[in-house]
Amino acid sequence: RPDIDIEVDGGVDYSTVTLAAEAGANVFV
């Protein structure tokens, strides 16, 4: 689903946000 929001929650900081974004996440808790 290329158009769906994918959220990550837990341990998100200035560094890990890039790891999640590279994987395809676009909503960051």
mmCIF file of all heavy atoms, coordinates in Angstrom:
data_MODEL
# 
_entry.id   MODEL 
# 
loop_
_atom_site.group_PDB 
_atom_site.id 
_atom_site.type_symbol 
_atom_site.label_atom_id 
_atom_site.label_alt_id 
_atom_site.label_comp_id 
_atom_site.label_asym_id 
_atom_site.label_entity_id 
_atom_site.label_seq_id 
_atom_site.pdbx_PDB_ins_code 
_atom_site.Cartn_x 
_atom_site.Cartn_y 
_atom_site.Cartn_z 
_atom_site.occupancy 
_atom_site.B_iso_or_equiv 
_atom_site.pdbx_formal_charge 
_atom_site.auth_seq_id 
_atom_site.auth_comp_id 
_atom_site.auth_asym_id 
_atom_site.auth_atom_id 
_atom_site.pdbx_PDB_model_num 
ATOM 1   N N   . ARG A 1 1  ? 0.850  -1.198 0.000  1.00 0.00 ? 1  ARG A N   1 
ATOM 2   C CA  . ARG A 1 1  ? 0.000  0.000  0.000  1.00 0.00 ? 1  ARG A CA  1 
ATOM 3   C C   . ARG A 1 1  ? 0.883  1.245  0.000  1.00 0.00 ? 1  ARG A C   1 
ATOM 4   O O   . ARG A 1 1  ? 1.185  1.816  1.052  1.00 0.00 ? 1  ARG A O   1 
ATOM 5   C CB  . ARG A 1 1  ? -0.899 0.026  1.248  1.00 0.00 ? 1  ARG A CB  1 
ATOM 6   C CG  . ARG A 1 1  ? -2.214 -0.700 1.153  1.00 0.00 ? 1  ARG A CG  1 
ATOM 7   C CD  . ARG A 1 1  ? -3.275 0.024  0.331  1.00 0.00 ? 1  ARG A CD  1 
ATOM 8   N NE  . ARG A 1 1  ? -3.496 1.410  0.722  1.00 0.00 ? 1  ARG A NE  1 
ATOM 9   C CZ  . ARG A 1 1  ? -4.351 1.800  1.661  1.00 0.00 ? 1  ARG A CZ  1 
ATOM 10  N NH1 . ARG A 1 1  ? -5.068 0.928  2.320  1.00 0.00 ? 1  ARG A NH1 1 
ATOM 11  N NH2 . ARG A 1 1  ? -4.495 3.090  1.940  1.00 0.00 ? 1  ARG A NH2 1 
ATOM 12  N N   . PRO A 1 2  ? 1.340  1.676  -1.153 1.00 0.00 ? 2  PRO A N   1 
ATOM 13  C CA  . PRO A 1 2  ? 2.247  2.826  -1.214 1.00 0.00 ? 2  PRO A CA  1 
ATOM 14  C C   . PRO A 1 2  ? 1.661  4.104  -0.635 1.00 0.00 ? 2  PRO A C   1 
ATOM 15  O O   . PRO A 1 2  ? 2.403  5.014  -0.264 1.00 0.00 ? 2  PRO A O   1 
ATOM 16  C CB  . PRO A 1 2  ? 2.515  2.969  -2.719 1.00 0.00 ? 2  PRO A CB  1 
ATOM 17  C CG  . PRO A 1 2  ? 2.231  1.627  -3.296 1.00 0.00 ? 2  PRO A CG  1 
ATOM 18  C CD  . PRO A 1 2  ? 1.109  1.080  -2.484 1.00 0.00 ? 2  PRO A CD  1 
ATOM 19  N N   . ASP A 1 3  ? 0.324  4.184  -0.563 1.00 0.00 ? 3  ASP A N   1 
ATOM 20  C CA  . ASP A 1 3  ? -0.326 5.426  -0.153 1.00 0.00 ? 3  ASP A CA  1 
ATOM 21  C C   . ASP A 1 3  ? -0.713 5.471  1.320  1.00 0.00 ? 3  ASP A C   1 
ATOM 22  O O   . ASP A 1 3  ? -1.217 6.489  1.795  1.00 0.00 ? 3  ASP A O   1 
ATOM 23  C CB  . ASP A 1 3  ? -1.588 5.638  -0.989 1.00 0.00 ? 3  ASP A CB  1 
ATOM 24  C CG  . ASP A 1 3  ? -2.594 4.496  -0.818 1.00 0.00 ? 3  ASP A CG  1 
ATOM 25  O OD1 . ASP A 1 3  ? -2.151 3.341  -0.614 1.00 0.00 ? 3  ASP A OD1 1 
ATOM 26  O OD2 . ASP A 1 3  ? -3.804 4.752  -0.902 1.00 0.00 ? 3  ASP A OD2 1 
ATOM 27  N N   . ILE A 1 4  ? -0.513 4.397  2.066  1.00 0.00 ? 4  ILE A N   1 
ATOM 28  C CA  . ILE A 1 4  ? -0.992 4.347  3.445  1.00 0.00 ? 4  ILE A CA  1 
ATOM 29  C C   . ILE A 1 4  ? 0.022  4.999  4.390  1.00 0.00 ? 4  ILE A C   1 
ATOM 30  O O   . ILE A 1 4  ? 1.233  4.998  4.124  1.00 0.00 ? 4  ILE A O   1 
ATOM 31  C CB  . ILE A 1 4  ? -1.266 2.891  3.886  1.00 0.00 ? 4  ILE A CB  1 
ATOM 32  C CG1 . ILE A 1 4  ? -2.180 2.845  5.110  1.00 0.00 ? 4  ILE A CG1 1 
ATOM 33  C CG2 . ILE A 1 4  ? 0.044  2.144  4.158  1.00 0.00 ? 4  ILE A CG2 1 
ATOM 34  C CD1 . ILE A 1 4  ? -2.695 1.452  5.428  1.00 0.00 ? 4  ILE A CD1 1 
ATOM 35  N N   . ASP A 1 5  ? -0.481 5.582  5.491  1.00 0.00 ? 5  ASP A N   1 
ATOM 36  C CA  . ASP A 1 5  ? 0.416  6.071  6.530  1.00 0.00 ? 5  ASP A CA  1 
ATOM 37  C C   . ASP A 1 5  ? 0.958  4.885  7.312  1.00 0.00 ? 5  ASP A C   1 
ATOM 38  O O   . ASP A 1 5  ? 0.196  4.003  7.731  1.00 0.00 ? 5  ASP A O   1 
ATOM 39  C CB  . ASP A 1 5  ? -0.325 7.007  7.493  1.00 0.00 ? 5  ASP A CB  1 
ATOM 40  C CG  . ASP A 1 5  ? -0.519 8.408  6.938  1.00 0.00 ? 5  ASP A CG  1 
ATOM 41  O OD1 . ASP A 1 5  ? 0.268  8.819  6.057  1.00 0.00 ? 5  ASP A OD1 1 
ATOM 42  O OD2 . ASP A 1 5  ? -1.450 9.103  7.390  1.00 0.00 ? 5  ASP A OD2 1 
ATOM 43  N N   . ILE A 1 6  ? 2.267  4.877  7.514  1.00 0.00 ? 6  ILE A N   1 
ATOM 44  C CA  . ILE A 1 6  ? 2.908  3.851  8.339  1.00 0.00 ? 6  ILE A CA  1 
ATOM 45  C C   . ILE A 1 6  ? 3.609  4.559  9.489  1.00 0.00 ? 6  ILE A C   1 
ATOM 46  O O   . ILE A 1 6  ? 4.488  5.400  9.272  1.00 0.00 ? 6  ILE A O   1 
ATOM 47  C CB  . ILE A 1 6  ? 3.910  3.005  7.541  1.00 0.00 ? 6  ILE A CB  1 
ATOM 48  C CG1 . ILE A 1 6  ? 3.222  2.341  6.343  1.00 0.00 ? 6  ILE A CG1 1 
ATOM 49  C CG2 . ILE A 1 6  ? 4.553  1.946  8.449  1.00 0.00 ? 6  ILE A CG2 1 
ATOM 50  C CD1 . ILE A 1 6  ? 4.168  1.553  5.457  1.00 0.00 ? 6  ILE A CD1 1 
ATOM 51  N N   . GLU A 1 7  ? 3.181  4.224  10.682 1.00 0.00 ? 7  GLU A N   1 
ATOM 52  C CA  . GLU A 1 7  ? 3.671  4.887  11.891 1.00 0.00 ? 7  GLU A CA  1 
ATOM 53  C C   . GLU A 1 7  ? 4.620  3.974  12.648 1.00 0.00 ? 7  GLU A C   1 
ATOM 54  O O   . GLU A 1 7  ? 4.442  2.749  12.668 1.00 0.00 ? 7  GLU A O   1 
ATOM 55  C CB  . GLU A 1 7  ? 2.472  5.235  12.777 1.00 0.00 ? 7  GLU A CB  1 
ATOM 56  C CG  . GLU A 1 7  ? 2.808  6.008  14.039 1.00 0.00 ? 7  GLU A CG  1 
ATOM 57  C CD  . GLU A 1 7  ? 1.552  6.460  14.779 1.00 0.00 ? 7  GLU A CD  1 
ATOM 58  O OE1 . GLU A 1 7  ? 0.668  5.612  15.037 1.00 0.00 ? 7  GLU A OE1 1 
ATOM 59  O OE2 . GLU A 1 7  ? 1.451  7.646  15.097 1.00 0.00 ? 7  GLU A OE2 1 
ATOM 60  N N   . VAL A 1 8  ? 5.636  4.567  13.253 1.00 0.00 ? 8  VAL A N   1 
ATOM 61  C CA  . VAL A 1 8  ? 6.525  3.830  14.150 1.00 0.00 ? 8  VAL A CA  1 
ATOM 62  C C   . VAL A 1 8  ? 6.466  4.477  15.523 1.00 0.00 ? 8  VAL A C   1 
ATOM 63  O O   . VAL A 1 8  ? 6.354  5.697  15.656 1.00 0.00 ? 8  VAL A O   1 
ATOM 64  C CB  . VAL A 1 8  ? 7.976  3.777  13.640 1.00 0.00 ? 8  VAL A CB  1 
ATOM 65  C CG1 . VAL A 1 8  ? 8.086  2.892  12.419 1.00 0.00 ? 8  VAL A CG1 1 
ATOM 66  C CG2 . VAL A 1 8  ? 8.522  5.162  13.342 1.00 0.00 ? 8  VAL A CG2 1 
ATOM 67  N N   . ASP A 1 9  ? 6.539  3.634  16.535 1.00 0.00 ? 9  ASP A N   1 
ATOM 68  C CA  . ASP A 1 9  ? 6.389  4.098  17.910 1.00 0.00 ? 9  ASP A CA  1 
ATOM 69  C C   . ASP A 1 9  ? 7.362  3.340  18.795 1.00 0.00 ? 9  ASP A C   1 
ATOM 70  O O   . ASP A 1 9  ? 7.273  2.124  18.917 1.00 0.00 ? 9  ASP A O   1 
ATOM 71  C CB  . ASP A 1 9  ? 4.951  3.844  18.371 1.00 0.00 ? 9  ASP A CB  1 
ATOM 72  C CG  . ASP A 1 9  ? 4.675  4.328  19.788 1.00 0.00 ? 9  ASP A CG  1 
ATOM 73  O OD1 . ASP A 1 9  ? 5.582  4.893  20.421 1.00 0.00 ? 9  ASP A OD1 1 
ATOM 74  O OD2 . ASP A 1 9  ? 3.530  4.129  20.250 1.00 0.00 ? 9  ASP A OD2 1 
ATOM 75  N N   . GLY A 1 10 ? 8.297  4.098  19.392 1.00 0.00 ? 10 GLY A N   1 
ATOM 76  C CA  . GLY A 1 10 ? 9.226  3.498  20.340 1.00 0.00 ? 10 GLY A CA  1 
ATOM 77  C C   . GLY A 1 10 ? 10.672 3.755  19.986 1.00 0.00 ? 10 GLY A C   1 
ATOM 78  O O   . GLY A 1 10 ? 11.142 3.338  18.933 1.00 0.00 ? 10 GLY A O   1 
ATOM 79  N N   . GLY A 1 11 ? 11.356 4.484  20.849 1.00 0.00 ? 11 GLY A N   1 
ATOM 80  C CA  . GLY A 1 11 ? 12.775 4.725  20.643 1.00 0.00 ? 11 GLY A CA  1 
ATOM 81  C C   . GLY A 1 11 ? 13.094 5.628  19.474 1.00 0.00 ? 11 GLY A C   1 
ATOM 82  O O   . GLY A 1 11 ? 14.221 5.604  18.954 1.00 0.00 ? 11 GLY A O   1 
ATOM 83  N N   . VAL A 1 12 ? 12.139 6.439  19.039 1.00 0.00 ? 12 VAL A N   1 
ATOM 84  C CA  . VAL A 1 12 ? 12.373 7.331  17.904 1.00 0.00 ? 12 VAL A CA  1 
ATOM 85  C C   . VAL A 1 12 ? 13.114 8.579  18.364 1.00 0.00 ? 12 VAL A C   1 
ATOM 86  O O   . VAL A 1 12 ? 12.667 9.284  19.269 1.00 0.00 ? 12 VAL A O   1 
ATOM 87  C CB  . VAL A 1 12 ? 11.047 7.725  17.223 1.00 0.00 ? 12 VAL A CB  1 
ATOM 88  C CG1 . VAL A 1 12 ? 11.292 8.767  16.140 1.00 0.00 ? 12 VAL A CG1 1 
ATOM 89  C CG2 . VAL A 1 12 ? 10.350 6.499  16.647 1.00 0.00 ? 12 VAL A CG2 1 
ATOM 90  N N   . ASP A 1 13 ? 14.264 8.826  17.754 1.00 0.00 ? 13 ASP A N   1 
ATOM 91  C CA  . ASP A 1 13 ? 15.049 10.018 18.057 1.00 0.00 ? 13 ASP A CA  1 
ATOM 92  C C   . ASP A 1 13 ? 15.639 10.555 16.754 1.00 0.00 ? 13 ASP A C   1 
ATOM 93  O O   . ASP A 1 13 ? 15.262 10.109 15.663 1.00 0.00 ? 13 ASP A O   1 
ATOM 94  C CB  . ASP A 1 13 ? 16.136 9.723  19.102 1.00 0.00 ? 13 ASP A CB  1 
ATOM 95  C CG  . ASP A 1 13 ? 17.095 8.608  18.687 1.00 0.00 ? 13 ASP A CG  1 
ATOM 96  O OD1 . ASP A 1 13 ? 17.267 8.382  17.467 1.00 0.00 ? 13 ASP A OD1 1 
ATOM 97  O OD2 . ASP A 1 13 ? 17.699 7.974  19.580 1.00 0.00 ? 13 ASP A OD2 1 
ATOM 98  N N   . TYR A 1 14 ? 16.565 11.505 16.859 1.00 0.00 ? 14 TYR A N   1 
ATOM 99  C CA  . TYR A 1 14 ? 17.108 12.138 15.656 1.00 0.00 ? 14 TYR A CA  1 
ATOM 100 C C   . TYR A 1 14 ? 17.813 11.144 14.731 1.00 0.00 ? 14 TYR A C   1 
ATOM 101 O O   . TYR A 1 14 ? 17.891 11.368 13.519 1.00 0.00 ? 14 TYR A O   1 
ATOM 102 C CB  . TYR A 1 14 ? 18.099 13.235 16.031 1.00 0.00 ? 14 TYR A CB  1 
ATOM 103 C CG  . TYR A 1 14 ? 17.512 14.372 16.838 1.00 0.00 ? 14 TYR A CG  1 
ATOM 104 C CD1 . TYR A 1 14 ? 18.314 15.119 17.696 1.00 0.00 ? 14 TYR A CD1 1 
ATOM 105 C CD2 . TYR A 1 14 ? 16.161 14.715 16.737 1.00 0.00 ? 14 TYR A CD2 1 
ATOM 106 C CE1 . TYR A 1 14 ? 17.792 16.172 18.439 1.00 0.00 ? 14 TYR A CE1 1 
ATOM 107 C CE2 . TYR A 1 14 ? 15.630 15.752 17.471 1.00 0.00 ? 14 TYR A CE2 1 
ATOM 108 C CZ  . TYR A 1 14 ? 16.448 16.483 18.328 1.00 0.00 ? 14 TYR A CZ  1 
ATOM 109 O OH  . TYR A 1 14 ? 15.929 17.517 19.066 1.00 0.00 ? 14 TYR A OH  1 
ATOM 110 N N   . SER A 1 15 ? 18.330 10.056 15.283 1.00 0.00 ? 15 SER A N   1 
ATOM 111 C CA  . SER A 1 15 ? 19.038 9.063  14.492 1.00 0.00 ? 15 SER A CA  1 
ATOM 112 C C   . SER A 1 15 ? 18.098 7.979  13.966 1.00 0.00 ? 15 SER A C   1 
ATOM 113 O O   . SER A 1 15 ? 18.065 7.695  12.762 1.00 0.00 ? 15 SER A O   1 
ATOM 114 C CB  . SER A 1 15 ? 20.146 8.422  15.331 1.00 0.00 ? 15 SER A CB  1 
ATOM 115 O OG  . SER A 1 15 ? 20.767 7.364  14.633 1.00 0.00 ? 15 SER A OG  1 
ATOM 116 N N   . THR A 1 16 ? 17.319 7.386  14.857 1.00 0.00 ? 16 THR A N   1 
ATOM 117 C CA  . THR A 1 16 ? 16.471 6.267  14.444 1.00 0.00 ? 16 THR A CA  1 
ATOM 118 C C   . THR A 1 16 ? 15.339 6.690  13.524 1.00 0.00 ? 16 THR A C   1 
ATOM 119 O O   . THR A 1 16 ? 14.818 5.867  12.766 1.00 0.00 ? 16 THR A O   1 
ATOM 120 C CB  . THR A 1 16 ? 15.899 5.533  15.672 1.00 0.00 ? 16 THR A CB  1 
ATOM 121 O OG1 . THR A 1 16 ? 15.174 6.465  16.490 1.00 0.00 ? 16 THR A OG1 1 
ATOM 122 C CG2 . THR A 1 16 ? 17.016 4.906  16.497 1.00 0.00 ? 16 THR A CG2 1 
ATOM 123 N N   . VAL A 1 17 ? 14.961 7.957  13.561 1.00 0.00 ? 17 VAL A N   1 
ATOM 124 C CA  . VAL A 1 17 ? 13.906 8.410  12.655 1.00 0.00 ? 17 VAL A CA  1 
ATOM 125 C C   . VAL A 1 17 ? 14.318 8.217  11.203 1.00 0.00 ? 17 VAL A C   1 
ATOM 126 O O   . VAL A 1 17 ? 13.477 7.920  10.341 1.00 0.00 ? 17 VAL A O   1 
ATOM 127 C CB  . VAL A 1 17 ? 13.529 9.889  12.946 1.00 0.00 ? 17 VAL A CB  1 
ATOM 128 C CG1 . VAL A 1 17 ? 14.648 10.841 12.515 1.00 0.00 ? 17 VAL A CG1 1 
ATOM 129 C CG2 . VAL A 1 17 ? 12.213 10.261 12.279 1.00 0.00 ? 17 VAL A CG2 1 
ATOM 130 N N   . THR A 1 18 ? 15.608 8.331  10.929 1.00 0.00 ? 18 THR A N   1 
ATOM 131 C CA  . THR A 1 18 ? 16.060 8.139  9.551  1.00 0.00 ? 18 THR A CA  1 
ATOM 132 C C   . THR A 1 18 ? 16.004 6.669  9.150  1.00 0.00 ? 18 THR A C   1 
ATOM 133 O O   . THR A 1 18 ? 15.700 6.351  8.003  1.00 0.00 ? 18 THR A O   1 
ATOM 134 C CB  . THR A 1 18 ? 17.487 8.678  9.353  1.00 0.00 ? 18 THR A CB  1 
ATOM 135 O OG1 . THR A 1 18 ? 18.396 7.958  10.203 1.00 0.00 ? 18 THR A OG1 1 
ATOM 136 C CG2 . THR A 1 18 ? 17.564 10.161 9.685  1.00 0.00 ? 18 THR A CG2 1 
ATOM 137 N N   . LEU A 1 19 ? 16.284 5.765  10.083 1.00 0.00 ? 19 LEU A N   1 
ATOM 138 C CA  . LEU A 1 19 ? 16.199 4.333  9.789  1.00 0.00 ? 19 LEU A CA  1 
ATOM 139 C C   . LEU A 1 19 ? 14.767 3.947  9.430  1.00 0.00 ? 19 LEU A C   1 
ATOM 140 O O   . LEU A 1 19 ? 14.528 3.222  8.469  1.00 0.00 ? 19 LEU A O   1 
ATOM 141 C CB  . LEU A 1 19 ? 16.662 3.513  10.994 1.00 0.00 ? 19 LEU A CB  1 
ATOM 142 C CG  . LEU A 1 19 ? 18.101 3.696  11.450 1.00 0.00 ? 19 LEU A CG  1 
ATOM 143 C CD1 . LEU A 1 19 ? 18.359 2.887  12.719 1.00 0.00 ? 19 LEU A CD1 1 
ATOM 144 C CD2 . LEU A 1 19 ? 19.066 3.263  10.345 1.00 0.00 ? 19 LEU A CD2 1 
ATOM 145 N N   . ALA A 1 20 ? 13.821 4.453  10.213 1.00 0.00 ? 20 ALA A N   1 
ATOM 146 C CA  . ALA A 1 20 ? 12.418 4.149  9.959  1.00 0.00 ? 20 ALA A CA  1 
ATOM 147 C C   . ALA A 1 20 ? 11.943 4.772  8.654  1.00 0.00 ? 20 ALA A C   1 
ATOM 148 O O   . ALA A 1 20 ? 11.188 4.152  7.892  1.00 0.00 ? 20 ALA A O   1 
ATOM 149 C CB  . ALA A 1 20 ? 11.572 4.633  11.125 1.00 0.00 ? 20 ALA A CB  1 
ATOM 150 N N   . ALA A 1 21 ? 12.390 5.987  8.376  1.00 0.00 ? 21 ALA A N   1 
ATOM 151 C CA  . ALA A 1 21 ? 11.994 6.659  7.137  1.00 0.00 ? 21 ALA A CA  1 
ATOM 152 C C   . ALA A 1 21 ? 12.554 5.940  5.913  1.00 0.00 ? 21 ALA A C   1 
ATOM 153 O O   . ALA A 1 21 ? 11.864 5.792  4.893  1.00 0.00 ? 21 ALA A O   1 
ATOM 154 C CB  . ALA A 1 21 ? 12.454 8.111  7.157  1.00 0.00 ? 21 ALA A CB  1 
ATOM 155 N N   . GLU A 1 22 ? 13.773 5.483  6.003  1.00 0.00 ? 22 GLU A N   1 
ATOM 156 C CA  . GLU A 1 22 ? 14.377 4.736  4.895  1.00 0.00 ? 22 GLU A CA  1 
ATOM 157 C C   . GLU A 1 22 ? 13.599 3.463  4.607  1.00 0.00 ? 22 GLU A C   1 
ATOM 158 O O   . GLU A 1 22 ? 13.486 3.032  3.454  1.00 0.00 ? 22 GLU A O   1 
ATOM 159 C CB  . GLU A 1 22 ? 15.825 4.400  5.224  1.00 0.00 ? 22 GLU A CB  1 
ATOM 160 C CG  . GLU A 1 22 ? 16.778 5.578  5.121  1.00 0.00 ? 22 GLU A CG  1 
ATOM 161 C CD  . GLU A 1 22 ? 18.187 5.230  5.547  1.00 0.00 ? 22 GLU A CD  1 
ATOM 162 O OE1 . GLU A 1 22 ? 18.361 4.362  6.438  1.00 0.00 ? 22 GLU A OE1 1 
ATOM 163 O OE2 . GLU A 1 22 ? 19.122 5.832  5.002  1.00 0.00 ? 22 GLU A OE2 1 
ATOM 164 N N   . ALA A 1 23 ? 13.034 2.850  5.658  1.00 0.00 ? 23 ALA A N   1 
ATOM 165 C CA  . ALA A 1 23 ? 12.263 1.621  5.485  1.00 0.00 ? 23 ALA A CA  1 
ATOM 166 C C   . ALA A 1 23 ? 10.890 1.882  4.890  1.00 0.00 ? 23 ALA A C   1 
ATOM 167 O O   . ALA A 1 23 ? 10.238 0.960  4.384  1.00 0.00 ? 23 ALA A O   1 
ATOM 168 C CB  . ALA A 1 23 ? 12.119 0.904  6.829  1.00 0.00 ? 23 ALA A CB  1 
ATOM 169 N N   . GLY A 1 24 ? 10.422 3.136  4.987  1.00 0.00 ? 24 GLY A N   1 
ATOM 170 C CA  . GLY A 1 24 ? 9.141  3.474  4.402  1.00 0.00 ? 24 GLY A CA  1 
ATOM 171 C C   . GLY A 1 24 ? 8.136  4.089  5.346  1.00 0.00 ? 24 GLY A C   1 
ATOM 172 O O   . GLY A 1 24 ? 7.015  4.408  4.948  1.00 0.00 ? 24 GLY A O   1 
ATOM 173 N N   . ALA A 1 25 ? 8.509  4.270  6.611  1.00 0.00 ? 25 ALA A N   1 
ATOM 174 C CA  . ALA A 1 25 ? 7.602  4.923  7.558  1.00 0.00 ? 25 ALA A CA  1 
ATOM 175 C C   . ALA A 1 25 ? 7.512  6.411  7.250  1.00 0.00 ? 25 ALA A C   1 
ATOM 176 O O   . ALA A 1 25 ? 8.462  7.015  6.752  1.00 0.00 ? 25 ALA A O   1 
ATOM 177 C CB  . ALA A 1 25 ? 8.088  4.717  8.994  1.00 0.00 ? 25 ALA A CB  1 
ATOM 178 N N   . ASN A 1 26 ? 6.345  6.996  7.568  1.00 0.00 ? 26 ASN A N   1 
ATOM 179 C CA  . ASN A 1 26 ? 6.204  8.446  7.368  1.00 0.00 ? 26 ASN A CA  1 
ATOM 180 C C   . ASN A 1 26 ? 5.549  9.152  8.551  1.00 0.00 ? 26 ASN A C   1 
ATOM 181 O O   . ASN A 1 26 ? 5.446  10.371 8.554  1.00 0.00 ? 26 ASN A O   1 
ATOM 182 C CB  . ASN A 1 26 ? 5.399  8.735  6.096  1.00 0.00 ? 26 ASN A CB  1 
ATOM 183 C CG  . ASN A 1 26 ? 3.943  8.349  6.211  1.00 0.00 ? 26 ASN A CG  1 
ATOM 184 O OD1 . ASN A 1 26 ? 3.619  7.176  6.441  1.00 0.00 ? 26 ASN A OD1 1 
ATOM 185 N ND2 . ASN A 1 26 ? 3.042  9.310  6.051  1.00 0.00 ? 26 ASN A ND2 1 
ATOM 186 N N   . VAL A 1 27 ? 5.118  8.380  9.554  1.00 0.00 ? 27 VAL A N   1 
ATOM 187 C CA  . VAL A 1 27 ? 4.538  8.961  10.772 1.00 0.00 ? 27 VAL A CA  1 
ATOM 188 C C   . VAL A 1 27 ? 5.385  8.501  11.946 1.00 0.00 ? 27 VAL A C   1 
ATOM 189 O O   . VAL A 1 27 ? 5.599  7.296  12.126 1.00 0.00 ? 27 VAL A O   1 
ATOM 190 C CB  . VAL A 1 27 ? 3.070  8.530  10.975 1.00 0.00 ? 27 VAL A CB  1 
ATOM 191 C CG1 . VAL A 1 27 ? 2.474  9.242  12.188 1.00 0.00 ? 27 VAL A CG1 1 
ATOM 192 C CG2 . VAL A 1 27 ? 2.246  8.810  9.728  1.00 0.00 ? 27 VAL A CG2 1 
ATOM 193 N N   . PHE A 1 28 ? 5.857  9.466  12.745 1.00 0.00 ? 28 PHE A N   1 
ATOM 194 C CA  . PHE A 1 28 ? 6.842  9.149  13.773 1.00 0.00 ? 28 PHE A CA  1 
ATOM 195 C C   . PHE A 1 28 ? 6.372  9.616  15.144 1.00 0.00 ? 28 PHE A C   1 
ATOM 196 O O   . PHE A 1 28 ? 6.148  10.807 15.364 1.00 0.00 ? 28 PHE A O   1 
ATOM 197 C CB  . PHE A 1 28 ? 8.183  9.801  13.418 1.00 0.00 ? 28 PHE A CB  1 
ATOM 198 C CG  . PHE A 1 28 ? 8.650  9.434  12.036 1.00 0.00 ? 28 PHE A CG  1 
ATOM 199 C CD1 . PHE A 1 28 ? 8.352  10.243 10.952 1.00 0.00 ? 28 PHE A CD1 1 
ATOM 200 C CD2 . PHE A 1 28 ? 9.337  8.257  11.818 1.00 0.00 ? 28 PHE A CD2 1 
ATOM 201 C CE1 . PHE A 1 28 ? 8.736  9.901  9.669  1.00 0.00 ? 28 PHE A CE1 1 
ATOM 202 C CE2 . PHE A 1 28 ? 9.736  7.895  10.532 1.00 0.00 ? 28 PHE A CE2 1 
ATOM 203 C CZ  . PHE A 1 28 ? 9.439  8.718  9.454  1.00 0.00 ? 28 PHE A CZ  1 
ATOM 204 N N   . VAL A 1 29 ? 6.213  8.647  16.040 1.00 0.00 ? 29 VAL A N   1 
ATOM 205 C CA  . VAL A 1 29 ? 5.859  8.952  17.424 1.00 0.00 ? 29 VAL A CA  1 
ATOM 206 C C   . VAL A 1 29 ? 7.155  9.179  18.193 1.00 0.00 ? 29 VAL A C   1 
ATOM 207 O O   . VAL A 1 29 ? 8.060  8.343  18.157 1.00 0.00 ? 29 VAL A O   1 
ATOM 208 C CB  . VAL A 1 29 ? 5.072  7.791  18.063 1.00 0.00 ? 29 VAL A CB  1 
ATOM 209 C CG1 . VAL A 1 29 ? 4.770  8.091  19.529 1.00 0.00 ? 29 VAL A CG1 1 
ATOM 210 C CG2 . VAL A 1 29 ? 3.792  7.532  17.292 1.00 0.00 ? 29 VAL A CG2 1 
# 
